[in-house]
Amino acid sequence: MTDAQAQISPPMARLSAHMAAAATAALADSVAAKTKHHILDTLAAMVSGTRLKPGRLATAYVAAQGGNEEAQVPGTGILTTARLASLAGGMCAHADETDDSHPVAFFHPGCAVVPAALAMAERAGASGLKLINAVALGYDVGARINLALGVERFYGENSFSTHSFGALFGAAAAAAALAGLNAQQCRWMLSFTAQQASGLGCWARDTEHVEKAFDFGGMGAEHGVAAATMVEAGMTGLDDVFSGPRNFFAAFGGTPERLAQDLGQVFEVMNADIKKWSVGSPCQALLDALEVLMAEHGLRPGAVTDMKARVPAVEAHVVDNREMPDICLQHLLALLLIDGGLSFENTHDYARMIDPEVRALREKIVLVPDPSLARRAGALTVERAEGGPLGHEVTHVRGTAANPMTEGEVAAKAADLMEPVLGAARAGDLIGRILALEAVDDCRELRPLLTANPGKAQIP
């Protein structure tokens, strides 16, 4: 054993060895299937995000940079470097509130991990199976870095943002797996990643979602790919940034032992959530509750005299009478009741925010912050002109680990998001290929299916 090897801590040794072997590891069928669902869900968010302001700005920026044609920005015809494709793809994936999340590690893994992994898979001509493995690894590492740092410490007013930290390390791990880095190179790559670790909780003040798209998705995806490709190109770094003098945890706090805990046994993609509704997370439970009342009692707008939506107190401010339709709870509840359903189109239609019928019903809806409710839970009470009150409480939102969506539901959501950009036929073909991703020999085969249908997308 060399002196350098002797200074490598057990968590780093185990983590780097696991990362180096991940691309060719055998995943359980259930883990592989769930990973494909998250890849599909994130691709759908990326494609739909090309039409929204953060995505349009990101794709225009990347298109102007040029670069070697290593990877495609999904939903466009842009071919550029893997690093720039990751930046644009990450911002498109979180251009809206459609992407997945990890409630315990408190970040959005897909919007950084999937763009980075897909770009690196294209760059290398890697198989769909390797892409699946790399994405699963990214979720594992991204979640564990946040858990090792101590997520609860990041909830304060003056704090770093778990959304940026988990995204960066998850994207870097996925990129490293597809670059074929060995264990020592993975350790160097983690040091390059740690040096780039950043992100502030002030993202919550971004009302246009542009910087937030960068903070949650684009920044981590781009910088993770940068760390992996720099080491792939021969750059060397510290053997263990997580231990020794002036290390990562000495700077940020936390416990490095959590990094390697249950690696290969607990797969964090299984603990990640997919949104049924393409809207802000705190709205999900209340929309689930209203859908149940509509189905079970035939509830219609004319019957409602008053509606109280109880939301966890820590989340209420995020969705209370916001100016954006997809994160305004009162607006979304009114829209669901009037339209009988929610799609990407009607939840993003600003004109409906001033629709007299929607506004009249919205005035009857009151949001009530409730400190007794756990995060992402919710309860709805409806007063009717006739028939007495109705109520329903949701503890486990549809799409969470405790109440997962079926493959058919994930595919239906993806179709709703992608068809306006790709067209129905191309979107359907892409969904089929992703759900059978292990049969794809080279991820560049997906490019024609990820190219926008002419005239449909608002891209440069």
Protein backbone atom coordinates (compact mmCIF):
# COMPACT_ATOMS: atom_id res chain seq x y z
CA MET A 1 0.00 0.00 0.00
CA THR A 2 1.36 3.42 -0.95
CA ASP A 3 1.40 6.39 1.41
CA ALA A 4 -1.37 8.00 -0.67
CA GLN A 5 -3.54 4.88 -0.45
CA ALA A 6 -3.00 4.71 3.32
CA GLN A 7 -4.47 8.19 3.63
CA ILE A 8 -7.73 7.27 1.85
CA SER A 9 -10.60 7.05 4.33
CA PRO A 10 -12.86 3.97 4.36
CA PRO A 11 -15.91 5.93 3.08
CA MET A 12 -13.92 7.32 0.14
CA ALA A 13 -12.37 3.94 -0.66
CA ARG A 14 -15.75 2.23 -0.72
CA LEU A 15 -17.49 5.01 -2.63
CA SER A 16 -14.82 5.31 -5.33
CA ALA A 17 -14.67 1.55 -5.85
CA HIS A 18 -18.45 1.39 -6.15
CA MET A 19 -18.49 4.24 -8.65
CA ALA A 20 -15.79 2.64 -10.81
CA ALA A 21 -17.78 -0.60 -11.08
CA ALA A 22 -21.24 0.94 -11.48
CA ALA A 23 -21.46 1.12 -15.27
CA THR A 24 -21.34 -2.65 -15.66
CA ALA A 25 -23.08 -3.67 -12.43
CA ALA A 26 -26.20 -5.84 -12.53
CA LEU A 27 -29.20 -3.95 -11.17
CA ALA A 28 -32.28 -5.68 -9.82
CA ASP A 29 -35.18 -5.57 -12.27
CA SER A 30 -37.20 -3.31 -9.98
CA VAL A 31 -34.34 -0.80 -9.70
CA ALA A 32 -33.72 -0.80 -13.46
CA ALA A 33 -37.44 -0.31 -14.15
CA LYS A 34 -37.75 2.60 -11.70
CA THR A 35 -34.61 4.18 -13.14
CA LYS A 36 -36.10 4.04 -16.65
CA HIS A 37 -39.24 5.73 -15.36
CA HIS A 38 -37.13 8.60 -14.01
CA ILE A 39 -35.13 8.86 -17.23
CA LEU A 40 -38.36 9.06 -19.22
CA ASP A 41 -39.93 11.54 -16.83
CA THR A 42 -36.85 13.78 -16.95
CA LEU A 43 -36.58 13.58 -20.74
CA ALA A 44 -40.20 14.69 -20.93
CA ALA A 45 -39.42 17.64 -18.65
CA MET A 46 -36.41 18.52 -20.81
CA VAL A 47 -38.38 18.39 -24.06
CA SER A 48 -41.31 20.42 -22.72
CA GLY A 49 -38.89 22.85 -21.09
CA THR A 50 -37.52 23.94 -24.45
CA ARG A 51 -40.71 26.00 -24.93
CA LEU A 52 -40.44 27.85 -21.62
CA LYS A 53 -38.33 30.93 -20.90
CA PRO A 54 -35.49 29.21 -19.00
CA GLY A 55 -35.21 26.56 -21.69
CA ARG A 56 -35.39 29.02 -24.57
CA LEU A 57 -32.66 31.16 -23.04
CA ALA A 58 -30.46 28.16 -22.26
CA THR A 59 -30.76 26.64 -25.72
CA ALA A 60 -30.11 30.00 -27.39
CA TYR A 61 -27.02 30.49 -25.26
CA VAL A 62 -25.67 27.03 -26.01
CA ALA A 63 -26.45 27.26 -29.72
CA ALA A 64 -24.35 30.42 -29.91
CA GLN A 65 -21.36 28.71 -28.27
CA GLY A 66 -20.88 26.06 -30.96
CA GLY A 67 -18.40 23.36 -29.95
CA ASN A 68 -17.68 19.77 -30.94
CA GLU A 69 -20.86 17.86 -31.78
CA GLU A 70 -20.76 15.37 -28.90
CA ALA A 71 -24.34 15.45 -27.64
CA GLN A 72 -27.80 16.75 -28.49
CA VAL A 73 -29.95 19.10 -26.46
CA PRO A 74 -33.20 17.07 -26.24
CA GLY A 75 -36.18 18.70 -27.89
CA THR A 76 -33.96 20.67 -30.29
CA GLY A 77 -31.66 20.00 -33.22
CA ILE A 78 -28.66 21.47 -31.38
CA LEU A 79 -25.49 19.35 -31.26
CA THR A 80 -22.71 20.65 -29.03
CA THR A 81 -20.22 19.54 -26.40
CA ALA A 82 -21.40 17.22 -23.65
CA ARG A 83 -20.74 19.96 -21.13
CA LEU A 84 -22.91 22.55 -22.90
CA ALA A 85 -25.60 19.98 -23.74
CA SER A 86 -25.75 19.17 -20.03
CA LEU A 87 -26.12 22.84 -19.11
CA ALA A 88 -28.99 23.40 -21.54
CA GLY A 89 -30.60 20.05 -20.80
CA GLY A 90 -30.48 20.69 -17.06
CA MET A 91 -32.07 24.10 -17.37
CA CYS A 92 -34.75 22.74 -19.68
CA ALA A 93 -35.45 19.89 -17.26
CA HIS A 94 -36.12 22.35 -14.44
CA ALA A 95 -37.54 25.12 -16.61
CA ASP A 96 -40.80 24.26 -14.89
CA GLU A 97 -42.18 22.20 -12.00
CA THR A 98 -42.52 18.91 -13.89
CA ASP A 99 -39.33 17.08 -12.85
CA ASP A 100 -38.80 14.53 -10.10
CA SER A 101 -37.55 15.03 -6.55
CA HIS A 102 -36.01 13.21 -3.59
CA PRO A 103 -37.97 14.25 -0.50
CA VAL A 104 -35.54 12.95 2.13
CA ALA A 105 -32.34 14.24 0.51
CA PHE A 106 -34.26 17.38 -0.50
CA PHE A 107 -33.18 17.93 -4.10
CA HIS A 108 -34.30 17.28 -7.67
CA PRO A 109 -32.00 14.52 -8.92
CA GLY A 110 -33.29 13.98 -12.44
CA CYS A 111 -32.82 17.51 -13.79
CA ALA A 112 -29.05 17.29 -13.27
CA VAL A 113 -28.24 13.58 -13.32
CA VAL A 114 -30.17 12.62 -16.48
CA PRO A 115 -28.93 15.46 -18.75
CA ALA A 116 -25.33 14.80 -17.67
CA ALA A 117 -25.66 11.05 -18.12
CA LEU A 118 -27.39 11.29 -21.50
CA ALA A 119 -24.81 13.76 -22.85
CA MET A 120 -21.93 11.57 -21.69
CA ALA A 121 -23.61 8.44 -23.08
CA GLU A 122 -23.92 10.12 -26.47
CA ARG A 123 -20.34 11.36 -26.30
CA ALA A 124 -19.09 7.84 -25.66
CA GLY A 125 -21.60 6.00 -27.84
CA ALA A 126 -22.57 4.08 -24.70
CA SER A 127 -25.40 1.58 -24.48
CA GLY A 128 -28.77 2.18 -22.90
CA LEU A 129 -27.86 -0.32 -20.19
CA LYS A 130 -24.84 1.75 -19.18
CA LEU A 131 -27.03 4.85 -19.16
CA ILE A 132 -29.47 3.16 -16.78
CA ASN A 133 -26.65 2.16 -14.44
CA ALA A 134 -25.07 5.61 -14.52
CA VAL A 135 -28.35 7.34 -13.69
CA ALA A 136 -29.01 4.98 -10.77
CA LEU A 137 -25.49 5.75 -9.48
CA GLY A 138 -26.12 9.48 -9.82
CA TYR A 139 -29.22 9.26 -7.66
CA ASP A 140 -27.28 7.25 -5.07
CA VAL A 141 -24.37 9.68 -4.82
CA GLY A 142 -26.43 12.85 -5.07
CA ALA A 143 -28.75 11.78 -2.28
CA ARG A 144 -25.93 10.53 -0.07
CA ILE A 145 -23.92 13.75 -0.27
CA ASN A 146 -26.93 15.70 0.99
CA LEU A 147 -27.64 13.17 3.72
CA ALA A 148 -23.98 13.21 4.75
CA LEU A 149 -24.05 17.01 4.95
CA GLY A 150 -27.20 16.89 7.08
CA VAL A 151 -30.22 18.09 5.14
CA GLU A 152 -31.93 19.64 8.14
CA ARG A 153 -29.07 22.16 8.49
CA PHE A 154 -29.94 23.60 5.07
CA TYR A 155 -33.48 24.70 5.89
CA GLY A 156 -32.53 28.00 7.52
CA GLU A 157 -32.64 31.49 6.07
CA ASN A 158 -28.85 31.82 5.74
CA SER A 159 -27.89 28.51 4.21
CA PHE A 160 -26.46 26.69 1.25
CA SER A 161 -28.89 24.87 -1.02
CA THR A 162 -29.17 21.09 -1.01
CA HIS A 163 -30.73 21.40 -4.48
CA SER A 164 -27.37 22.44 -5.90
CA PHE A 165 -25.09 20.16 -3.87
CA GLY A 166 -26.94 16.91 -4.54
CA ALA A 167 -27.39 17.81 -8.20
CA LEU A 168 -23.67 18.46 -8.70
CA PHE A 169 -22.37 15.30 -7.05
CA GLY A 170 -25.07 13.14 -8.63
CA ALA A 171 -24.32 14.45 -12.12
CA ALA A 172 -20.59 14.04 -11.58
CA ALA A 173 -20.96 10.43 -10.48
CA ALA A 174 -23.12 9.57 -13.49
CA ALA A 175 -20.67 11.29 -15.83
CA ALA A 176 -17.72 9.48 -14.27
CA ALA A 177 -19.37 6.09 -14.77
CA LEU A 178 -19.93 6.81 -18.47
CA ALA A 179 -16.38 8.16 -18.86
CA GLY A 180 -15.12 4.80 -17.57
CA LEU A 181 -13.06 6.28 -14.73
CA ASN A 182 -11.28 3.84 -12.42
CA ALA A 183 -11.39 4.10 -8.63
CA GLN A 184 -8.41 6.44 -8.34
CA GLN A 185 -9.76 8.66 -11.10
CA CYS A 186 -13.15 8.72 -9.36
CA ARG A 187 -11.42 10.02 -6.22
CA TRP A 188 -9.73 12.77 -8.22
CA MET A 189 -13.02 13.53 -9.93
CA LEU A 190 -14.77 13.87 -6.56
CA SER A 191 -12.11 16.37 -5.51
CA PHE A 192 -12.73 18.45 -8.65
CA THR A 193 -16.44 18.21 -7.90
CA ALA A 194 -16.04 19.27 -4.28
CA GLN A 195 -14.06 22.34 -5.33
CA GLN A 196 -17.04 23.41 -7.43
CA ALA A 197 -19.65 22.79 -4.72
CA SER A 198 -21.87 25.84 -4.35
CA GLY A 199 -25.47 27.01 -4.26
CA LEU A 200 -27.45 29.39 -2.09
CA GLY A 201 -31.00 29.19 -0.81
CA CYS A 202 -31.81 32.60 -2.28
CA TRP A 203 -32.99 30.77 -5.42
CA ALA A 204 -36.45 31.03 -3.84
CA ARG A 205 -36.53 34.72 -4.75
CA ASP A 206 -36.29 34.02 -8.49
CA THR A 207 -39.81 34.70 -9.77
CA GLU A 208 -39.00 33.88 -13.42
CA HIS A 209 -37.53 30.44 -12.71
CA VAL A 210 -34.47 31.14 -14.88
CA GLU A 211 -31.73 31.23 -12.26
CA LYS A 212 -33.60 28.51 -10.36
CA ALA A 213 -33.37 26.28 -13.46
CA PHE A 214 -29.62 26.85 -13.44
CA ASP A 215 -29.29 26.30 -9.67
CA PHE A 216 -31.30 23.07 -9.61
CA GLY A 217 -30.33 21.49 -12.94
CA GLY A 218 -27.98 23.23 -15.35
CA MET A 219 -25.19 24.16 -12.96
CA GLY A 220 -24.83 20.70 -11.44
CA ALA A 221 -25.12 18.93 -14.78
CA GLU A 222 -22.50 21.09 -16.49
CA HIS A 223 -20.02 21.14 -13.63
CA GLY A 224 -20.39 17.41 -12.99
CA VAL A 225 -19.57 16.69 -16.63
CA ALA A 226 -16.64 19.11 -16.40
CA ALA A 227 -15.17 17.28 -13.41
CA ALA A 228 -15.46 13.87 -15.08
CA THR A 229 -14.12 14.92 -18.46
CA MET A 230 -11.18 16.86 -17.02
CA VAL A 231 -10.02 13.80 -15.10
CA GLU A 232 -10.70 11.63 -18.15
CA ALA A 233 -8.37 13.97 -20.06
CA GLY A 234 -5.56 13.27 -17.58
CA MET A 235 -5.96 15.83 -14.82
CA THR A 236 -5.11 14.63 -11.32
CA GLY A 237 -6.34 15.78 -7.93
CA LEU A 238 -6.53 14.89 -4.25
CA ASP A 239 -6.93 11.24 -3.35
CA ASP A 240 -9.45 12.05 -0.63
CA VAL A 241 -11.19 15.42 -0.48
CA PHE A 242 -13.52 14.08 2.21
CA SER A 243 -10.86 13.53 4.89
CA GLY A 244 -7.54 15.03 6.01
CA PRO A 245 -6.73 18.69 6.66
CA ARG A 246 -9.12 21.33 5.29
CA ASN A 247 -11.42 18.75 3.73
CA PHE A 248 -14.93 19.10 2.31
CA PHE A 249 -16.74 18.18 5.52
CA ALA A 250 -14.49 20.41 7.61
CA ALA A 251 -15.70 23.27 5.42
CA PHE A 252 -19.39 22.40 5.19
CA GLY A 253 -20.02 20.16 8.21
CA GLY A 254 -21.62 16.73 8.27
CA THR A 255 -20.46 13.13 8.52
CA PRO A 256 -18.59 11.44 5.64
CA GLU A 257 -19.54 7.93 6.82
CA ARG A 258 -23.02 8.46 5.35
CA LEU A 259 -21.52 8.64 1.84
CA ALA A 260 -20.91 4.90 1.62
CA GLN A 261 -23.74 3.65 3.82
CA ASP A 262 -25.72 0.81 2.21
CA LEU A 263 -24.15 1.36 -1.22
CA GLY A 264 -25.27 -1.41 -3.55
CA GLN A 265 -28.08 -2.35 -1.16
CA VAL A 266 -30.26 0.75 -0.89
CA PHE A 267 -30.84 2.45 -4.25
CA GLU A 268 -31.98 6.03 -3.81
CA VAL A 269 -33.87 6.09 -7.10
CA MET A 270 -36.37 3.87 -5.31
CA ASN A 271 -36.88 6.68 -2.77
CA ALA A 272 -37.35 9.39 -5.39
CA ASP A 273 -40.73 10.80 -6.41
CA ILE A 274 -42.25 11.39 -9.83
CA LYS A 275 -44.90 14.09 -10.00
CA LYS A 276 -48.28 13.06 -11.29
CA TRP A 277 -49.17 16.71 -11.85
CA SER A 278 -46.82 19.07 -13.75
CA VAL A 279 -47.03 21.70 -11.01
CA GLY A 280 -45.28 22.73 -7.80
CA SER A 281 -44.74 19.94 -5.29
CA PRO A 282 -46.78 21.43 -2.39
CA CYS A 283 -49.84 21.45 -4.70
CA GLN A 284 -49.74 17.74 -5.44
CA ALA A 285 -51.55 16.40 -2.37
CA LEU A 286 -54.42 18.87 -2.64
CA LEU A 287 -54.94 18.08 -6.31
CA ASP A 288 -54.96 14.37 -5.48
CA ALA A 289 -57.56 15.06 -2.80
CA LEU A 290 -59.80 17.11 -5.10
CA GLU A 291 -59.58 14.47 -7.84
CA VAL A 292 -60.80 11.87 -5.33
CA LEU A 293 -63.76 14.05 -4.30
CA MET A 294 -64.65 14.70 -7.92
CA ALA A 295 -64.57 10.98 -8.73
CA GLU A 296 -66.36 9.75 -5.63
CA HIS A 297 -68.99 12.46 -5.24
CA GLY A 298 -69.36 13.97 -8.70
CA LEU A 299 -68.21 17.30 -7.32
CA ARG A 300 -68.66 20.17 -9.78
CA PRO A 301 -67.87 23.92 -9.61
CA GLY A 302 -71.44 25.08 -9.12
CA ALA A 303 -71.84 23.03 -5.94
CA VAL A 304 -68.90 24.63 -4.09
CA THR A 305 -69.54 27.46 -1.65
CA ASP A 306 -66.21 27.31 0.18
CA MET A 307 -63.01 25.30 0.00
CA LYS A 308 -60.21 25.09 2.59
CA ALA A 309 -56.87 23.67 1.52
CA ARG A 310 -54.65 22.71 4.45
CA VAL A 311 -50.98 22.74 3.47
CA PRO A 312 -47.88 22.00 5.60
CA ALA A 313 -46.90 25.27 7.25
CA VAL A 314 -43.30 25.08 5.99
CA GLU A 315 -44.51 24.90 2.36
CA ALA A 316 -47.57 27.14 2.34
CA HIS A 317 -45.75 30.30 1.20
CA VAL A 318 -44.44 28.51 -1.90
CA VAL A 319 -47.90 28.05 -3.43
CA ASP A 320 -50.17 30.62 -1.77
CA ASN A 321 -51.72 32.90 -4.43
CA ARG A 322 -48.58 32.95 -6.54
CA GLU A 323 -48.39 34.81 -9.84
CA MET A 324 -47.31 31.72 -11.82
CA PRO A 325 -50.20 29.40 -12.75
CA ASP A 326 -48.31 26.14 -12.21
CA ILE A 327 -47.41 26.94 -8.59
CA CYS A 328 -50.55 28.81 -7.50
CA LEU A 329 -52.57 26.34 -5.44
CA GLN A 330 -55.85 28.25 -5.46
CA HIS A 331 -55.72 28.67 -9.22
CA LEU A 332 -54.89 25.01 -9.84
CA LEU A 333 -57.70 23.73 -7.64
CA ALA A 334 -60.18 25.97 -9.46
CA LEU A 335 -58.80 24.90 -12.83
CA LEU A 336 -59.03 21.18 -12.02
CA LEU A 337 -62.62 21.51 -10.89
CA ILE A 338 -63.70 23.55 -13.92
CA ASP A 339 -61.78 21.64 -16.63
CA GLY A 340 -62.18 18.20 -15.09
CA GLY A 341 -58.45 17.53 -15.44
CA LEU A 342 -55.02 19.14 -15.65
CA SER A 343 -52.51 19.02 -18.47
CA PHE A 344 -49.26 20.80 -19.18
CA GLU A 345 -51.15 23.17 -21.45
CA ASN A 346 -53.87 24.37 -19.11
CA THR A 347 -51.57 24.59 -16.06
CA HIS A 348 -49.24 26.91 -17.99
CA ASP A 349 -51.86 29.11 -19.61
CA TYR A 350 -51.47 32.58 -18.10
CA ALA A 351 -54.69 33.70 -19.75
CA ARG A 352 -56.62 31.34 -17.48
CA MET A 353 -55.30 33.29 -14.48
CA ILE A 354 -57.67 36.12 -15.42
CA ASP A 355 -60.53 33.95 -16.72
CA PRO A 356 -63.66 35.24 -14.88
CA GLU A 357 -64.95 31.72 -14.18
CA VAL A 358 -61.62 30.60 -12.76
CA ARG A 359 -61.22 33.77 -10.73
CA ALA A 360 -64.72 33.49 -9.26
CA LEU A 361 -64.10 29.94 -8.04
CA ARG A 362 -60.60 30.82 -6.85
CA GLU A 363 -62.07 33.46 -4.54
CA LYS A 364 -63.85 30.68 -2.65
CA ILE A 365 -60.61 28.81 -1.94
CA VAL A 366 -58.56 29.55 1.17
CA LEU A 367 -55.11 28.15 1.90
CA VAL A 368 -54.54 27.25 5.55
CA PRO A 369 -50.94 26.65 6.76
CA ASP A 370 -51.03 23.62 9.06
CA PRO A 371 -47.96 22.85 11.22
CA SER A 372 -49.35 19.39 12.03
CA LEU A 373 -49.04 18.21 8.42
CA ALA A 374 -45.88 16.53 7.19
CA ARG A 375 -44.15 17.79 4.07
CA ARG A 376 -46.01 17.04 0.83
CA ALA A 377 -49.17 15.99 2.71
CA GLY A 378 -52.42 17.91 2.48
CA ALA A 379 -56.10 17.96 3.38
CA LEU A 380 -59.08 19.46 1.58
CA THR A 381 -62.47 20.44 2.98
CA VAL A 382 -65.28 21.47 0.63
CA GLU A 383 -68.53 23.13 1.70
CA ARG A 384 -71.44 22.60 -0.69
CA ALA A 385 -74.70 24.43 -1.21
CA GLU A 386 -76.46 21.09 -0.85
CA GLY A 387 -75.39 17.75 0.55
CA GLY A 388 -73.11 18.79 3.37
CA PRO A 389 -69.32 19.12 3.59
CA LEU A 390 -66.78 16.82 1.95
CA GLY A 391 -63.23 16.17 3.01
CA HIS A 392 -60.20 14.14 2.02
CA GLU A 393 -56.66 13.97 3.38
CA VAL A 394 -53.64 12.73 1.42
CA THR A 395 -50.61 11.46 3.28
CA HIS A 396 -48.76 9.82 0.40
CA VAL A 397 -49.06 11.73 -2.86
CA ARG A 398 -49.42 9.77 -6.09
CA GLY A 399 -45.95 9.26 -7.53
CA THR A 400 -44.13 9.02 -4.20
CA ALA A 401 -42.23 5.93 -3.13
CA ALA A 402 -45.16 4.94 -0.89
CA ASN A 403 -47.71 5.45 -3.68
CA PRO A 404 -45.84 5.04 -6.98
CA MET A 405 -47.25 5.74 -10.43
CA THR A 406 -47.64 2.83 -12.81
CA GLU A 407 -45.56 2.64 -15.96
CA GLY A 408 -48.67 3.57 -17.91
CA GLU A 409 -49.17 6.71 -15.82
CA VAL A 410 -45.53 7.75 -16.28
CA ALA A 411 -45.83 7.19 -20.03
CA ALA A 412 -49.09 9.17 -20.22
CA LYS A 413 -47.52 12.12 -18.41
CA ALA A 414 -44.50 11.95 -20.73
CA ALA A 415 -46.75 11.95 -23.79
CA ASP A 416 -48.64 15.00 -22.54
CA LEU A 417 -45.35 16.87 -22.09
CA MET A 418 -43.59 15.80 -25.29
CA GLU A 419 -46.27 15.59 -27.97
CA PRO A 420 -46.58 19.38 -28.44
CA VAL A 421 -42.84 19.48 -29.24
CA LEU A 422 -42.06 16.16 -30.90
CA GLY A 423 -45.45 15.24 -32.34
CA ALA A 424 -47.51 12.25 -31.23
CA ALA A 425 -45.78 9.61 -33.37
CA ARG A 426 -42.24 10.60 -32.44
CA ALA A 427 -43.12 10.99 -28.76
CA GLY A 428 -44.73 7.54 -28.74
CA ASP A 429 -41.70 5.95 -30.37
CA LEU A 430 -39.36 7.64 -27.90
CA ILE A 431 -41.41 6.47 -24.90
CA GLY A 432 -41.22 2.91 -26.20
CA ARG A 433 -37.44 3.11 -26.67
CA ILE A 434 -36.83 4.50 -23.18
CA LEU A 435 -39.01 1.86 -21.53
CA ALA A 436 -36.87 -0.74 -23.34
CA LEU A 437 -33.64 1.23 -22.93
CA GLU A 438 -31.53 -1.83 -22.17
CA ALA A 439 -32.03 -2.87 -25.81
CA VAL A 440 -30.45 0.35 -27.16
CA ASP A 441 -26.89 -0.36 -28.29
CA ASP A 442 -25.81 3.25 -28.74
CA CYS A 443 -27.63 6.18 -27.11
CA ARG A 444 -26.99 8.29 -30.20
CA GLU A 445 -29.74 6.20 -31.81
CA LEU A 446 -32.20 8.27 -29.77
CA ARG A 447 -31.27 11.57 -31.42
CA PRO A 448 -33.85 11.51 -34.25
CA LEU A 449 -36.62 10.85 -31.74
CA LEU A 450 -35.47 13.74 -29.53
CA THR A 451 -35.49 16.28 -32.35
CA ALA A 452 -38.35 18.78 -32.34
CA ASN A 453 -41.08 18.42 -34.92
CA PRO A 454 -40.68 21.47 -37.24
CA GLY A 455 -42.94 24.33 -36.30
CA LYS A 456 -43.95 22.91 -32.91
CA ALA A 457 -41.28 24.05 -30.48
CA GLN A 458 -40.21 27.60 -29.65
CA ILE A 459 -36.47 27.09 -30.04
CA PRO A 460 -33.76 29.12 -31.76
